[in-house]
Amino acid sequence: MKGGKRPKAGRKPIKIDLVELEKLSSLQCTDDELAAIFQVSVRTIERRKKNPAFAATIERGRARGRVSVRRMLFSLGAKGNVAAAIFLAKNLLDYKDYVRNEHSGPDGGAIAIGPAPELEALSNEELKQLSILVSKTEHARKD
């Protein structure tokens, strides 16, 4: 029974304009934003999404918004916008950036690793400086 036992009892149904809903959905509005614009609760939007026509309107609007963005991106790429072209290539053509991190010594040779310095050979001043450096790295690790 709609509206309770008495005629016209209960809360009046809120009308949500499906044309406006589709326009807002094309802008990728979230359920929270839709609820705020239509002055209903988020729960109302979620409950109405169970209605196939309502859910289809939201999905159609969101799909149109994505197509609009894609169309603009293709247009930018066709006009020579390098960033747009790279983005499209990575996302549609599976292009990837490969970064190789290779460390080498002088003239591309091996990195020479020598023995660790003998601590007995350090002066008291050098030991103090070393101690300060070690304590700074320990504080940085804790943060």
C-alpha atoms as a PDB file:
ATOM      1  CA  MET A   1       0.000   0.000   0.000  1.00  0.00           C
ATOM      2  CA  LYS A   2       1.588   3.264  -1.033  1.00  0.00           C
ATOM      3  CA  GLY A   3       1.396   6.099   1.449  1.00  0.00           C
ATOM      4  CA  GLY A   4       0.098   4.156   4.412  1.00  0.00           C
ATOM      5  CA  LYS A   5      -3.413   3.040   5.349  1.00  0.00           C
ATOM      6  CA  ARG A   6      -5.097   6.401   4.858  1.00  0.00           C
ATOM      7  CA  PRO A   7      -5.375   8.037   1.453  1.00  0.00           C
ATOM      8  CA  LYS A   8      -2.570  10.547   0.793  1.00  0.00           C
ATOM      9  CA  ALA A   9      -0.818   9.560   4.037  1.00  0.00           C
ATOM     10  CA  GLY A  10       2.954   9.352   4.282  1.00  0.00           C
ATOM     11  CA  ARG A  11       5.787  11.125   2.577  1.00  0.00           C
ATOM     12  CA  LYS A  12       5.175  12.449  -0.918  1.00  0.00           C
ATOM     13  CA  PRO A  13       7.361  10.795  -3.577  1.00  0.00           C
ATOM     14  CA  ILE A  14      10.219  12.957  -4.780  1.00  0.00           C
ATOM     15  CA  LYS A  15      10.398  13.442  -8.532  1.00  0.00           C
ATOM     16  CA  ILE A  16      13.867  13.102 -10.029  1.00  0.00           C
ATOM     17  CA  ASP A  17      14.026  14.395 -13.583  1.00  0.00           C
ATOM     18  CA  LEU A  18      15.635  11.632 -15.652  1.00  0.00           C
ATOM     19  CA  VAL A  19      16.841  14.084 -18.315  1.00  0.00           C
ATOM     20  CA  GLU A  20      18.671  16.103 -15.663  1.00  0.00           C
ATOM     21  CA  LEU A  21      19.907  12.876 -14.062  1.00  0.00           C
ATOM     22  CA  GLU A  22      21.448  11.792 -17.372  1.00  0.00           C
ATOM     23  CA  LYS A  23      23.131  15.177 -17.878  1.00  0.00           C
ATOM     24  CA  LEU A  24      24.639  15.099 -14.398  1.00  0.00           C
ATOM     25  CA  SER A  25      25.703  11.484 -14.818  1.00  0.00           C
ATOM     26  CA  SER A  26      27.511  12.436 -18.029  1.00  0.00           C
ATOM     27  CA  LEU A  27      29.640  14.735 -15.860  1.00  0.00           C
ATOM     28  CA  GLN A  28      30.491  11.637 -13.765  1.00  0.00           C
ATOM     29  CA  CYS A  29      28.681  12.955 -10.675  1.00  0.00           C
ATOM     30  CA  THR A  30      28.878  10.592  -7.725  1.00  0.00           C
ATOM     31  CA  ASP A  31      25.830   9.333  -5.844  1.00  0.00           C
ATOM     32  CA  ASP A  32      26.632  11.828  -3.075  1.00  0.00           C
ATOM     33  CA  GLU A  33      26.643  14.695  -5.564  1.00  0.00           C
ATOM     34  CA  LEU A  34      23.431  13.529  -7.243  1.00  0.00           C
ATOM     35  CA  ALA A  35      21.742  13.309  -3.852  1.00  0.00           C
ATOM     36  CA  ALA A  36      22.851  16.828  -2.945  1.00  0.00           C
ATOM     37  CA  ILE A  37      21.637  18.289  -6.246  1.00  0.00           C
ATOM     38  CA  PHE A  38      18.239  16.566  -6.097  1.00  0.00           C
ATOM     39  CA  GLN A  39      17.977  17.263  -2.345  1.00  0.00           C
ATOM     40  CA  VAL A  40      17.498  13.635  -1.377  1.00  0.00           C
ATOM     41  CA  SER A  41      19.561  11.234   0.678  1.00  0.00           C
ATOM     42  CA  VAL A  42      22.260   9.048  -0.837  1.00  0.00           C
ATOM     43  CA  ARG A  43      20.160   6.111   0.285  1.00  0.00           C
ATOM     44  CA  THR A  44      17.331   7.338  -1.940  1.00  0.00           C
ATOM     45  CA  ILE A  45      19.662   7.386  -4.965  1.00  0.00           C
ATOM     46  CA  GLU A  46      20.952   3.912  -4.115  1.00  0.00           C
ATOM     47  CA  ARG A  47      17.408   2.591  -3.653  1.00  0.00           C
ATOM     48  CA  ARG A  48      16.211   4.128  -6.930  1.00  0.00           C
ATOM     49  CA  LYS A  49      19.142   2.534  -8.777  1.00  0.00           C
ATOM     50  CA  LYS A  50      17.336  -0.771  -8.239  1.00  0.00           C
ATOM     51  CA  ASN A  51      14.779   0.528 -10.752  1.00  0.00           C
ATOM     52  CA  PRO A  52      16.104  -0.587 -14.178  1.00  0.00           C
ATOM     53  CA  ALA A  53      15.070   2.644 -15.961  1.00  0.00           C
ATOM     54  CA  PHE A  54      16.764   4.813 -13.315  1.00  0.00           C
ATOM     55  CA  ALA A  55      19.963   2.721 -13.344  1.00  0.00           C
ATOM     56  CA  ALA A  56      20.014   2.693 -17.157  1.00  0.00           C
ATOM     57  CA  THR A  57      19.700   6.489 -17.219  1.00  0.00           C
ATOM     58  CA  ILE A  58      22.709   6.868 -14.913  1.00  0.00           C
ATOM     59  CA  GLU A  59      24.791   4.362 -16.888  1.00  0.00           C
ATOM     60  CA  ARG A  60      23.843   5.932 -20.226  1.00  0.00           C
ATOM     61  CA  GLY A  61      24.850   9.374 -18.926  1.00  0.00           C
ATOM     62  CA  ARG A  62      28.169   8.112 -17.564  1.00  0.00           C
ATOM     63  CA  ALA A  63      28.911   6.311 -20.841  1.00  0.00           C
ATOM     64  CA  ARG A  64      28.180   9.487 -22.807  1.00  0.00           C
ATOM     65  CA  GLY A  65      30.521  11.418 -20.535  1.00  0.00           C
ATOM     66  CA  ARG A  66      33.334   8.909 -21.065  1.00  0.00           C
ATOM     67  CA  VAL A  67      32.796   9.029 -24.840  1.00  0.00           C
ATOM     68  CA  SER A  68      32.921  12.829 -24.721  1.00  0.00           C
ATOM     69  CA  VAL A  69      36.251  12.776 -22.895  1.00  0.00           C
ATOM     70  CA  ARG A  70      37.606  10.170 -25.298  1.00  0.00           C
ATOM     71  CA  ARG A  71      36.483  12.265 -28.284  1.00  0.00           C
ATOM     72  CA  MET A  72      38.228  15.354 -26.874  1.00  0.00           C
ATOM     73  CA  LEU A  73      41.386  13.356 -26.167  1.00  0.00           C
ATOM     74  CA  PHE A  74      41.470  11.960 -29.712  1.00  0.00           C
ATOM     75  CA  SER A  75      40.962  15.464 -31.062  1.00  0.00           C
ATOM     76  CA  LEU A  76      43.886  16.778 -29.009  1.00  0.00           C
ATOM     77  CA  GLY A  77      46.097  13.902 -30.149  1.00  0.00           C
ATOM     78  CA  ALA A  78      45.158  14.506 -33.800  1.00  0.00           C
ATOM     79  CA  LYS A  79      46.045  18.196 -33.426  1.00  0.00           C
ATOM     80  CA  GLY A  80      49.551  17.277 -32.341  1.00  0.00           C
ATOM     81  CA  ASN A  81      49.250  17.363 -28.557  1.00  0.00           C
ATOM     82  CA  VAL A  82      52.086  15.011 -27.657  1.00  0.00           C
ATOM     83  CA  ALA A  83      50.888  14.314 -24.115  1.00  0.00           C
ATOM     84  CA  ALA A  84      47.444  13.262 -25.398  1.00  0.00           C
ATOM     85  CA  ALA A  85      49.018  11.051 -28.070  1.00  0.00           C
ATOM     86  CA  ILE A  86      51.293   9.369 -25.520  1.00  0.00           C
ATOM     87  CA  PHE A  87      48.393   8.837 -23.132  1.00  0.00           C
ATOM     88  CA  LEU A  88      46.287   7.239 -25.874  1.00  0.00           C
ATOM     89  CA  ALA A  89      49.173   5.041 -27.016  1.00  0.00           C
ATOM     90  CA  LYS A  90      49.791   3.781 -23.488  1.00  0.00           C
ATOM     91  CA  ASN A  91      46.142   3.141 -22.708  1.00  0.00           C
ATOM     92  CA  LEU A  92      44.813   1.882 -26.019  1.00  0.00           C
ATOM     93  CA  LEU A  93      47.855   0.359 -27.692  1.00  0.00           C
ATOM     94  CA  ASP A  94      49.572  -1.019 -24.560  1.00  0.00           C
ATOM     95  CA  TYR A  95      52.716   1.050 -25.121  1.00  0.00           C
ATOM     96  CA  LYS A  96      54.946   1.228 -22.070  1.00  0.00           C
ATOM     97  CA  ASP A  97      57.852   3.286 -20.833  1.00  0.00           C
ATOM     98  CA  TYR A  98      60.845   1.136 -20.061  1.00  0.00           C
ATOM     99  CA  VAL A  99      63.425   2.524 -17.687  1.00  0.00           C
ATOM    100  CA  ARG A 100      66.656   0.644 -17.228  1.00  0.00           C
ATOM    101  CA  ASN A 101      68.672   1.483 -14.181  1.00  0.00           C
ATOM    102  CA  GLU A 102      72.220   0.352 -14.711  1.00  0.00           C
ATOM    103  CA  HIS A 103      75.051   1.500 -12.557  1.00  0.00           C
ATOM    104  CA  SER A 104      78.564   1.413 -13.882  1.00  0.00           C
ATOM    105  CA  GLY A 105      81.983   2.702 -13.029  1.00  0.00           C
ATOM    106  CA  PRO A 106      84.303   4.889 -15.118  1.00  0.00           C
ATOM    107  CA  ASP A 107      84.045   4.362 -18.890  1.00  0.00           C
ATOM    108  CA  GLY A 108      81.136   1.924 -18.419  1.00  0.00           C
ATOM    109  CA  GLY A 109      83.232  -0.571 -16.530  1.00  0.00           C
ATOM    110  CA  ALA A 110      82.545  -2.315 -13.270  1.00  0.00           C
ATOM    111  CA  ILE A 111      82.169  -0.376 -10.051  1.00  0.00           C
ATOM    112  CA  ALA A 112      85.244  -0.892  -7.907  1.00  0.00           C
ATOM    113  CA  ILE A 113      84.434  -1.894  -4.367  1.00  0.00           C
ATOM    114  CA  GLY A 114      87.299  -1.548  -1.953  1.00  0.00           C
ATOM    115  CA  PRO A 115      87.709  -2.709   1.607  1.00  0.00           C
ATOM    116  CA  ALA A 116      85.910  -0.806   4.366  1.00  0.00           C
ATOM    117  CA  PRO A 117      88.030   1.811   6.112  1.00  0.00           C
ATOM    118  CA  GLU A 118      89.661   0.779   9.334  1.00  0.00           C
ATOM    119  CA  LEU A 119      88.040   2.641  12.205  1.00  0.00           C
ATOM    120  CA  GLU A 120      91.288   2.599  14.210  1.00  0.00           C
ATOM    121  CA  ALA A 121      92.865   4.801  11.532  1.00  0.00           C
ATOM    122  CA  LEU A 122      90.279   7.580  12.075  1.00  0.00           C
ATOM    123  CA  SER A 123      90.991  10.518  14.347  1.00  0.00           C
ATOM    124  CA  ASN A 124      88.729  11.392  17.279  1.00  0.00           C
ATOM    125  CA  GLU A 125      87.229  14.260  15.257  1.00  0.00           C
ATOM    126  CA  GLU A 126      86.463  11.924  12.333  1.00  0.00           C
ATOM    127  CA  LEU A 127      84.865   9.385  14.704  1.00  0.00           C
ATOM    128  CA  LYS A 128      82.640  12.132  16.172  1.00  0.00           C
ATOM    129  CA  GLN A 129      81.519  13.160  12.694  1.00  0.00           C
ATOM    130  CA  LEU A 130      80.826   9.541  11.777  1.00  0.00           C
ATOM    131  CA  SER A 131      78.802   9.096  14.964  1.00  0.00           C
ATOM    132  CA  ILE A 132      76.719  12.197  14.134  1.00  0.00           C
ATOM    133  CA  LEU A 133      76.022  10.896  10.624  1.00  0.00           C
ATOM    134  CA  VAL A 134      74.960   7.493  11.906  1.00  0.00           C
ATOM    135  CA  SER A 135      72.596   9.027  14.481  1.00  0.00           C
ATOM    136  CA  LYS A 136      71.007  11.203  11.777  1.00  0.00           C
ATOM    137  CA  THR A 137      70.271   8.192   9.587  1.00  0.00           C
ATOM    138  CA  GLU A 138      68.775   6.329  12.549  1.00  0.00           C
ATOM    139  CA  HIS A 139      66.413   9.277  13.249  1.00  0.00           C
ATOM    140  CA  ALA A 140      65.440   9.410   9.571  1.00  0.00           C
ATOM    141  CA  ARG A 141      64.518   5.696   9.578  1.00  0.00           C
ATOM    142  CA  LYS A 142      62.227   6.128  12.602  1.00  0.00           C
ATOM    143  CA  ASP A 143      60.252   8.882  10.835  1.00  0.00           C
END
